[in-house]
Amino acid sequence: MLFIANSILKVYFRWQSKCMNPELLELLTSMRMPFGKYKGRILCDLPEPYLVWYHNKGFPEGKLGMLLHTLYEIKLNGLEYLLKPLRK
């Protein structure tokens, strides 16, 4: 299942110069938002309007920003179903 998800995501993330890492998807289903209105919420559970707000405002720097941008693209393209099998 991860191989299929990885292959599909490569198509949607041409903006990223390196290959998608399956661990990235796992982080989206396990890492919690470290600050802000949704502090403590698992990243994949963040509402889409919050991700759109970040898209307009600018994603944070570093790993968190990359994860939020990835999640934004997943939700924008209706690919949330890829994360469901990975939820713990």
PDB file of N, CA and C in Angstrom:
ATOM      1  N   MET A   1       0.814  -1.195   0.000  1.00  0.00           N
ATOM      2  CA  MET A   1       0.000   0.000   0.000  1.00  0.00           C
ATOM      3  C   MET A   1       0.857   1.258   0.000  1.00  0.00           C
ATOM      4  N   LEU A   2       1.939   1.248   0.798  1.00  0.00           N
ATOM      5  CA  LEU A   2       2.818   2.419   0.821  1.00  0.00           C
ATOM      6  C   LEU A   2       3.463   2.661  -0.531  1.00  0.00           C
ATOM      7  N   PHE A   3       3.793   1.582  -1.244  1.00  0.00           N
ATOM      8  CA  PHE A   3       4.401   1.751  -2.561  1.00  0.00           C
ATOM      9  C   PHE A   3       3.442   2.462  -3.507  1.00  0.00           C
ATOM     10  N   ILE A   4       2.172   2.075  -3.475  1.00  0.00           N
ATOM     11  CA  ILE A   4       1.166   2.700  -4.331  1.00  0.00           C
ATOM     12  C   ILE A   4       1.000   4.166  -3.954  1.00  0.00           C
ATOM     13  N   ALA A   5       0.884   4.434  -2.661  1.00  0.00           N
ATOM     14  CA  ALA A   5       0.739   5.816  -2.197  1.00  0.00           C
ATOM     15  C   ALA A   5       1.953   6.632  -2.613  1.00  0.00           C
ATOM     16  N   ASN A   6       3.118   6.065  -2.465  1.00  0.00           N
ATOM     17  CA  ASN A   6       4.345   6.766  -2.834  1.00  0.00           C
ATOM     18  C   ASN A   6       4.346   7.095  -4.324  1.00  0.00           C
ATOM     19  N   SER A   7       3.942   6.156  -5.153  1.00  0.00           N
ATOM     20  CA  SER A   7       3.927   6.371  -6.597  1.00  0.00           C
ATOM     21  C   SER A   7       2.944   7.464  -6.997  1.00  0.00           C
ATOM     22  N   ILE A   8       1.774   7.450  -6.407  1.00  0.00           N
ATOM     23  CA  ILE A   8       0.764   8.467  -6.720  1.00  0.00           C
ATOM     24  C   ILE A   8       1.238   9.847  -6.290  1.00  0.00           C
ATOM     25  N   LEU A   9       1.820   9.927  -5.123  1.00  0.00           N
ATOM     26  CA  LEU A   9       2.269  11.222  -4.620  1.00  0.00           C
ATOM     27  C   LEU A   9       3.397  11.810  -5.452  1.00  0.00           C
ATOM     28  N   LYS A  10       4.237  10.973  -6.031  1.00  0.00           N
ATOM     29  CA  LYS A  10       5.314  11.490  -6.880  1.00  0.00           C
ATOM     30  C   LYS A  10       4.749  12.318  -8.025  1.00  0.00           C
ATOM     31  N   VAL A  11       3.620  11.883  -8.566  1.00  0.00           N
ATOM     32  CA  VAL A  11       2.998  12.606  -9.669  1.00  0.00           C
ATOM     33  C   VAL A  11       2.546  13.990  -9.216  1.00  0.00           C
ATOM     34  N   TYR A  12       1.979  14.077  -8.018  1.00  0.00           N
ATOM     35  CA  TYR A  12       1.426  15.336  -7.527  1.00  0.00           C
ATOM     36  C   TYR A  12       2.466  16.282  -6.940  1.00  0.00           C
ATOM     37  N   PHE A  13       3.647  15.798  -6.680  1.00  0.00           N
ATOM     38  CA  PHE A  13       4.643  16.635  -6.020  1.00  0.00           C
ATOM     39  C   PHE A  13       5.872  16.864  -6.891  1.00  0.00           C
ATOM     40  N   ARG A  14       5.658  17.313  -8.093  1.00  0.00           N
ATOM     41  CA  ARG A  14       6.777  17.597  -8.993  1.00  0.00           C
ATOM     42  C   ARG A  14       7.594  18.781  -8.489  1.00  0.00           C
ATOM     43  N   TRP A  15       7.016  19.563  -7.596  1.00  0.00           N
ATOM     44  CA  TRP A  15       7.735  20.696  -7.020  1.00  0.00           C
ATOM     45  C   TRP A  15       8.885  20.245  -6.148  1.00  0.00           C
ATOM     46  N   GLN A  16       8.847  19.021  -5.702  1.00  0.00           N
ATOM     47  CA  GLN A  16       9.884  18.511  -4.811  1.00  0.00           C
ATOM     48  C   GLN A  16      10.967  17.832  -5.644  1.00  0.00           C
ATOM     49  N   SER A  17      12.208  18.239  -5.472  1.00  0.00           N
ATOM     50  CA  SER A  17      13.292  17.731  -6.313  1.00  0.00           C
ATOM     51  C   SER A  17      13.710  16.307  -5.951  1.00  0.00           C
ATOM     52  N   LYS A  18      13.532  15.897  -4.715  1.00  0.00           N
ATOM     53  CA  LYS A  18      13.919  14.546  -4.343  1.00  0.00           C
ATOM     54  C   LYS A  18      12.706  13.629  -4.327  1.00  0.00           C
ATOM     55  N   CYS A  19      12.947  12.328  -4.347  1.00  0.00           N
ATOM     56  CA  CYS A  19      11.858  11.354  -4.339  1.00  0.00           C
ATOM     57  C   CYS A  19      11.100  11.409  -3.021  1.00  0.00           C
ATOM     58  N   MET A  20       9.820  11.114  -3.096  1.00  0.00           N
ATOM     59  CA  MET A  20       8.992  11.089  -1.888  1.00  0.00           C
ATOM     60  C   MET A  20       9.470   9.957  -0.991  1.00  0.00           C
ATOM     61  N   ASN A  21       9.400  10.220   0.275  1.00  0.00           N
ATOM     62  CA  ASN A  21       9.816   9.259   1.281  1.00  0.00           C
ATOM     63  C   ASN A  21       8.563   8.721   1.968  1.00  0.00           C
ATOM     64  N   PRO A  22       8.345   7.409   2.000  1.00  0.00           N
ATOM     65  CA  PRO A  22       7.137   6.864   2.638  1.00  0.00           C
ATOM     66  C   PRO A  22       7.006   7.276   4.106  1.00  0.00           C
ATOM     67  N   GLU A  23       8.136   7.525   4.765  1.00  0.00           N
ATOM     68  CA  GLU A  23       8.073   7.950   6.166  1.00  0.00           C
ATOM     69  C   GLU A  23       7.374   9.299   6.308  1.00  0.00           C
ATOM     70  N   LEU A  24       7.396  10.092   5.240  1.00  0.00           N
ATOM     71  CA  LEU A  24       6.712  11.384   5.246  1.00  0.00           C
ATOM     72  C   LEU A  24       5.219  11.195   5.490  1.00  0.00           C
ATOM     73  N   LEU A  25       4.639  10.207   4.834  1.00  0.00           N
ATOM     74  CA  LEU A  25       3.212   9.931   5.020  1.00  0.00           C
ATOM     75  C   LEU A  25       2.936   9.467   6.449  1.00  0.00           C
ATOM     76  N   GLU A  26       3.845   8.671   6.981  1.00  0.00           N
ATOM     77  CA  GLU A  26       3.672   8.201   8.357  1.00  0.00           C
ATOM     78  C   GLU A  26       3.747   9.362   9.348  1.00  0.00           C
ATOM     79  N   LEU A  27       4.635  10.315   9.085  1.00  0.00           N
ATOM     80  CA  LEU A  27       4.721  11.488   9.959  1.00  0.00           C
ATOM     81  C   LEU A  27       3.432  12.301   9.946  1.00  0.00           C
ATOM     82  N   LEU A  28       2.802  12.389   8.782  1.00  0.00           N
ATOM     83  CA  LEU A  28       1.552  13.148   8.691  1.00  0.00           C
ATOM     84  C   LEU A  28       0.449  12.531   9.546  1.00  0.00           C
ATOM     85  N   THR A  29       0.563  11.237   9.808  1.00  0.00           N
ATOM     86  CA  THR A  29      -0.471  10.556  10.600  1.00  0.00           C
ATOM     87  C   THR A  29      -0.071  10.353  12.060  1.00  0.00           C
ATOM     88  N   SER A  30       1.124  10.813  12.426  1.00  0.00           N
ATOM     89  CA  SER A  30       1.546  10.619  13.814  1.00  0.00           C
ATOM     90  C   SER A  30       2.038  11.896  14.499  1.00  0.00           C
ATOM     91  N   MET A  31       2.599  12.816  13.733  1.00  0.00           N
ATOM     92  CA  MET A  31       3.144  14.039  14.323  1.00  0.00           C
ATOM     93  C   MET A  31       2.021  14.999  14.706  1.00  0.00           C
ATOM     94  N   ARG A  32       2.203  15.679  15.822  1.00  0.00           N
ATOM     95  CA  ARG A  32       1.201  16.641  16.300  1.00  0.00           C
ATOM     96  C   ARG A  32       1.645  18.058  16.007  1.00  0.00           C
ATOM     97  N   MET A  33       0.670  18.913  15.771  1.00  0.00           N
ATOM     98  CA  MET A  33       0.943  20.330  15.542  1.00  0.00           C
ATOM     99  C   MET A  33       1.551  20.905  16.818  1.00  0.00           C
ATOM    100  N   PRO A  34       2.738  21.522  16.725  1.00  0.00           N
ATOM    101  CA  PRO A  34       3.431  21.953  17.937  1.00  0.00           C
ATOM    102  C   PRO A  34       2.980  23.299  18.511  1.00  0.00           C
ATOM    103  N   PHE A  35       2.193  24.065  17.781  1.00  0.00           N
ATOM    104  CA  PHE A  35       1.808  25.397  18.261  1.00  0.00           C
ATOM    105  C   PHE A  35       0.529  25.858  17.574  1.00  0.00           C
ATOM    106  N   GLY A  36       0.028  26.993  18.024  1.00  0.00           N
ATOM    107  CA  GLY A  36      -1.105  27.633  17.356  1.00  0.00           C
ATOM    108  C   GLY A  36      -2.460  27.121  17.795  1.00  0.00           C
ATOM    109  N   LYS A  37      -3.449  27.507  17.026  1.00  0.00           N
ATOM    110  CA  LYS A  37      -4.850  27.187  17.316  1.00  0.00           C
ATOM    111  C   LYS A  37      -5.090  25.688  17.446  1.00  0.00           C
ATOM    112  N   TYR A  38      -4.382  24.912  16.667  1.00  0.00           N
ATOM    113  CA  TYR A  38      -4.589  23.458  16.648  1.00  0.00           C
ATOM    114  C   TYR A  38      -3.437  22.704  17.307  1.00  0.00           C
ATOM    115  N   LYS A  39      -2.791  23.328  18.277  1.00  0.00           N
ATOM    116  CA  LYS A  39      -1.685  22.701  19.000  1.00  0.00           C
ATOM    117  C   LYS A  39      -2.143  21.350  19.568  1.00  0.00           C
ATOM    118  N   GLY A  40      -1.337  20.315  19.336  1.00  0.00           N
ATOM    119  CA  GLY A  40      -1.647  18.990  19.849  1.00  0.00           C
ATOM    120  C   GLY A  40      -2.447  18.117  18.899  1.00  0.00           C
ATOM    121  N   ARG A  41      -2.985  18.675  17.842  1.00  0.00           N
ATOM    122  CA  ARG A  41      -3.772  17.887  16.883  1.00  0.00           C
ATOM    123  C   ARG A  41      -2.827  17.200  15.896  1.00  0.00           C
ATOM    124  N   ILE A  42      -3.127  15.956  15.557  1.00  0.00           N
ATOM    125  CA  ILE A  42      -2.335  15.222  14.565  1.00  0.00           C
ATOM    126  C   ILE A  42      -2.452  15.966  13.235  1.00  0.00           C
ATOM    127  N   LEU A  43      -1.331  16.091  12.540  1.00  0.00           N
ATOM    128  CA  LEU A  43      -1.280  16.915  11.332  1.00  0.00           C
ATOM    129  C   LEU A  43      -2.355  16.544  10.311  1.00  0.00           C
ATOM    130  N   CYS A  44      -2.570  15.266  10.070  1.00  0.00           N
ATOM    131  CA  CYS A  44      -3.555  14.883   9.047  1.00  0.00           C
ATOM    132  C   CYS A  44      -4.983  15.246   9.453  1.00  0.00           C
ATOM    133  N   ASP A  45      -5.190  15.603  10.729  1.00  0.00           N
ATOM    134  CA  ASP A  45      -6.516  16.008  11.199  1.00  0.00           C
ATOM    135  C   ASP A  45      -6.726  17.520  11.150  1.00  0.00           C
ATOM    136  N   LEU A  46      -5.725  18.257  10.680  1.00  0.00           N
ATOM    137  CA  LEU A  46      -5.888  19.707  10.569  1.00  0.00           C
ATOM    138  C   LEU A  46      -6.934  20.008   9.499  1.00  0.00           C
ATOM    139  N   PRO A  47      -7.807  20.981   9.756  1.00  0.00           N
ATOM    140  CA  PRO A  47      -8.834  21.307   8.758  1.00  0.00           C
ATOM    141  C   PRO A  47      -8.223  21.975   7.523  1.00  0.00           C
ATOM    142  N   GLU A  48      -8.827  21.711   6.392  1.00  0.00           N
ATOM    143  CA  GLU A  48      -8.327  22.258   5.132  1.00  0.00           C
ATOM    144  C   GLU A  48      -8.252  23.788   5.134  1.00  0.00           C
ATOM    145  N   PRO A  49      -9.257  24.498   5.692  1.00  0.00           N
ATOM    146  CA  PRO A  49      -9.140  25.972   5.702  1.00  0.00           C
ATOM    147  C   PRO A  49      -7.883  26.471   6.426  1.00  0.00           C
ATOM    148  N   TYR A  50      -7.441  25.757   7.449  1.00  0.00           N
ATOM    149  CA  TYR A  50      -6.218  26.125   8.164  1.00  0.00           C
ATOM    150  C   TYR A  50      -5.003  25.965   7.250  1.00  0.00           C
ATOM    151  N   LEU A  51      -4.987  24.910   6.460  1.00  0.00           N
ATOM    152  CA  LEU A  51      -3.887  24.682   5.519  1.00  0.00           C
ATOM    153  C   LEU A  51      -3.916  25.705   4.386  1.00  0.00           C
ATOM    154  N   VAL A  52      -5.109  26.077   3.948  1.00  0.00           N
ATOM    155  CA  VAL A  52      -5.241  27.116   2.920  1.00  0.00           C
ATOM    156  C   VAL A  52      -4.711  28.442   3.470  1.00  0.00           C
ATOM    157  N   TRP A  53      -5.019  28.722   4.733  1.00  0.00           N
ATOM    158  CA  TRP A  53      -4.527  29.942   5.366  1.00  0.00           C
ATOM    159  C   TRP A  53      -2.996  29.954   5.355  1.00  0.00           C
ATOM    160  N   TYR A  54      -2.387  28.832   5.710  1.00  0.00           N
ATOM    161  CA  TYR A  54      -0.923  28.735   5.678  1.00  0.00           C
ATOM    162  C   TYR A  54      -0.405  28.879   4.249  1.00  0.00           C
ATOM    163  N   HIS A  55      -1.117  28.303   3.295  1.00  0.00           N
ATOM    164  CA  HIS A  55      -0.698  28.416   1.897  1.00  0.00           C
ATOM    165  C   HIS A  55      -0.658  29.881   1.476  1.00  0.00           C
ATOM    166  N   ASN A  56      -1.644  30.652   1.897  1.00  0.00           N
ATOM    167  CA  ASN A  56      -1.700  32.072   1.550  1.00  0.00           C
ATOM    168  C   ASN A  56      -0.692  32.898   2.350  1.00  0.00           C
ATOM    169  N   LYS A  57      -0.509  32.558   3.606  1.00  0.00           N
ATOM    170  CA  LYS A  57       0.375  33.300   4.515  1.00  0.00           C
ATOM    171  C   LYS A  57       1.839  32.924   4.304  1.00  0.00           C
ATOM    172  N   GLY A  58       2.072  31.654   4.002  1.00  0.00           N
ATOM    173  CA  GLY A  58       3.423  31.108   3.894  1.00  0.00           C
ATOM    174  C   GLY A  58       3.606  30.026   4.940  1.00  0.00           C
ATOM    175  N   PHE A  59       4.047  28.882   4.501  1.00  0.00           N
ATOM    176  CA  PHE A  59       4.279  27.772   5.422  1.00  0.00           C
ATOM    177  C   PHE A  59       5.515  28.059   6.263  1.00  0.00           C
ATOM    178  N   PRO A  60       5.562  27.530   7.486  1.00  0.00           N
ATOM    179  CA  PRO A  60       6.760  27.713   8.306  1.00  0.00           C
ATOM    180  C   PRO A  60       7.983  27.073   7.644  1.00  0.00           C
ATOM    181  N   GLU A  61       9.141  27.497   8.069  1.00  0.00           N
ATOM    182  CA  GLU A  61      10.388  26.928   7.554  1.00  0.00           C
ATOM    183  C   GLU A  61      10.599  25.526   8.122  1.00  0.00           C
ATOM    184  N   GLY A  62      11.417  24.763   7.454  1.00  0.00           N
ATOM    185  CA  GLY A  62      11.850  23.474   7.974  1.00  0.00           C
ATOM    186  C   GLY A  62      10.899  22.323   7.722  1.00  0.00           C
ATOM    187  N   LYS A  63      11.086  21.306   8.534  1.00  0.00           N
ATOM    188  CA  LYS A  63      10.345  20.048   8.391  1.00  0.00           C
ATOM    189  C   LYS A  63       8.843  20.242   8.533  1.00  0.00           C
ATOM    190  N   LEU A  64       8.429  21.034   9.525  1.00  0.00           N
ATOM    191  CA  LEU A  64       6.995  21.257   9.724  1.00  0.00           C
ATOM    192  C   LEU A  64       6.374  21.919   8.500  1.00  0.00           C
ATOM    193  N   GLY A  65       7.037  22.912   7.963  1.00  0.00           N
ATOM    194  CA  GLY A  65       6.518  23.589   6.776  1.00  0.00           C
ATOM    195  C   GLY A  65       6.391  22.645   5.592  1.00  0.00           C
ATOM    196  N   MET A  66       7.384  21.778   5.412  1.00  0.00           N
ATOM    197  CA  MET A  66       7.323  20.803   4.326  1.00  0.00           C
ATOM    198  C   MET A  66       6.165  19.838   4.524  1.00  0.00           C
ATOM    199  N   LEU A  67       5.964  19.405   5.771  1.00  0.00           N
ATOM    200  CA  LEU A  67       4.853  18.493   6.062  1.00  0.00           C
ATOM    201  C   LEU A  67       3.505  19.170   5.832  1.00  0.00           C
ATOM    202  N   LEU A  68       3.364  20.402   6.289  1.00  0.00           N
ATOM    203  CA  LEU A  68       2.096  21.120   6.101  1.00  0.00           C
ATOM    204  C   LEU A  68       1.829  21.376   4.621  1.00  0.00           C
ATOM    205  N   HIS A  69       2.872  21.708   3.876  1.00  0.00           N
ATOM    206  CA  HIS A  69       2.694  21.919   2.433  1.00  0.00           C
ATOM    207  C   HIS A  69       2.291  20.614   1.743  1.00  0.00           C
ATOM    208  N   THR A  70       2.911  19.526   2.140  1.00  0.00           N
ATOM    209  CA  THR A  70       2.559  18.215   1.592  1.00  0.00           C
ATOM    210  C   THR A  70       1.110  17.873   1.915  1.00  0.00           C
ATOM    211  N   LEU A  71       0.703  18.110   3.153  1.00  0.00           N
ATOM    212  CA  LEU A  71      -0.672  17.830   3.552  1.00  0.00           C
ATOM    213  C   LEU A  71      -1.653  18.714   2.789  1.00  0.00           C
ATOM    214  N   TYR A  72      -1.286  19.957   2.578  1.00  0.00           N
ATOM    215  CA  TYR A  72      -2.127  20.871   1.781  1.00  0.00           C
ATOM    216  C   TYR A  72      -2.345  20.288   0.374  1.00  0.00           C
ATOM    217  N   GLU A  73      -1.276  19.832  -0.255  1.00  0.00           N
ATOM    218  CA  GLU A  73      -1.392  19.261  -1.601  1.00  0.00           C
ATOM    219  C   GLU A  73      -2.225  17.981  -1.598  1.00  0.00           C
ATOM    220  N   ILE A  74      -2.057  17.159  -0.585  1.00  0.00           N
ATOM    221  CA  ILE A  74      -2.837  15.922  -0.479  1.00  0.00           C
ATOM    222  C   ILE A  74      -4.326  16.253  -0.390  1.00  0.00           C
ATOM    223  N   LYS A  75      -4.674  17.184   0.486  1.00  0.00           N
ATOM    224  CA  LYS A  75      -6.088  17.532   0.662  1.00  0.00           C
ATOM    225  C   LYS A  75      -6.634  18.261  -0.562  1.00  0.00           C
ATOM    226  N   LEU A  76      -5.831  19.136  -1.150  1.00  0.00           N
ATOM    227  CA  LEU A  76      -6.253  19.879  -2.337  1.00  0.00           C
ATOM    228  C   LEU A  76      -6.607  18.934  -3.484  1.00  0.00           C
ATOM    229  N   ASN A  77      -5.857  17.843  -3.599  1.00  0.00           N
ATOM    230  CA  ASN A  77      -6.067  16.900  -4.688  1.00  0.00           C
ATOM    231  C   ASN A  77      -6.941  15.706  -4.312  1.00  0.00           C
ATOM    232  N   GLY A  78      -7.577  15.772  -3.134  1.00  0.00           N
ATOM    233  CA  GLY A  78      -8.503  14.719  -2.727  1.00  0.00           C
ATOM    234  C   GLY A  78      -7.841  13.380  -2.443  1.00  0.00           C
ATOM    235  N   LEU A  79      -6.624  13.404  -1.927  1.00  0.00           N
ATOM    236  CA  LEU A  79      -5.879  12.160  -1.708  1.00  0.00           C
ATOM    237  C   LEU A  79      -5.827  11.743  -0.240  1.00  0.00           C
ATOM    238  N   GLU A  80      -6.727  12.263   0.575  1.00  0.00           N
ATOM    239  CA  GLU A  80      -6.719  11.935   2.008  1.00  0.00           C
ATOM    240  C   GLU A  80      -6.828  10.440   2.253  1.00  0.00           C
ATOM    241  N   TYR A  81      -7.470   9.734   1.342  1.00  0.00           N
ATOM    242  CA  TYR A  81      -7.659   8.293   1.510  1.00  0.00           C
ATOM    243  C   TYR A  81      -6.319   7.555   1.588  1.00  0.00           C
ATOM    244  N   LEU A  82      -5.258   8.158   1.071  1.00  0.00           N
ATOM    245  CA  LEU A  82      -3.943   7.539   1.144  1.00  0.00           C
ATOM    246  C   LEU A  82      -3.420   7.479   2.584  1.00  0.00           C
ATOM    247  N   LEU A  83      -3.885   8.381   3.421  1.00  0.00           N
ATOM    248  CA  LEU A  83      -3.403   8.442   4.799  1.00  0.00           C
ATOM    249  C   LEU A  83      -4.188   7.530   5.738  1.00  0.00           C
ATOM    250  N   LYS A  84      -5.408   7.171   5.372  1.00  0.00           N
ATOM    251  CA  LYS A  84      -6.262   6.384   6.274  1.00  0.00           C
ATOM    252  C   LYS A  84      -5.640   5.053   6.690  1.00  0.00           C
ATOM    253  N   PRO A  85      -5.034   4.289   5.778  1.00  0.00           N
ATOM    254  CA  PRO A  85      -4.446   3.006   6.211  1.00  0.00           C
ATOM    255  C   PRO A  85      -3.255   3.187   7.152  1.00  0.00           C
ATOM    256  N   LEU A  86      -2.672   4.361   7.191  1.00  0.00           N
ATOM    257  CA  LEU A  86      -1.479   4.592   8.003  1.00  0.00           C
ATOM    258  C   LEU A  86      -1.786   5.096   9.397  1.00  0.00           C
ATOM    259  N   ARG A  87      -3.026   5.459   9.622  1.00  0.00           N
ATOM    260  CA  ARG A  87      -3.402   6.007  10.933  1.00  0.00           C
ATOM    261  C   ARG A  87      -3.247   4.953  12.012  1.00  0.00           C
ATOM    262  N   LYS A  88      -2.776   5.401  13.167  1.00  0.00           N
ATOM    263  CA  LYS A  88      -2.545   4.465  14.268  1.00  0.00           C
ATOM    264  C   LYS A  88      -3.678   4.485  15.251  1.00  0.00           C
TER     265      LYS A  88
END
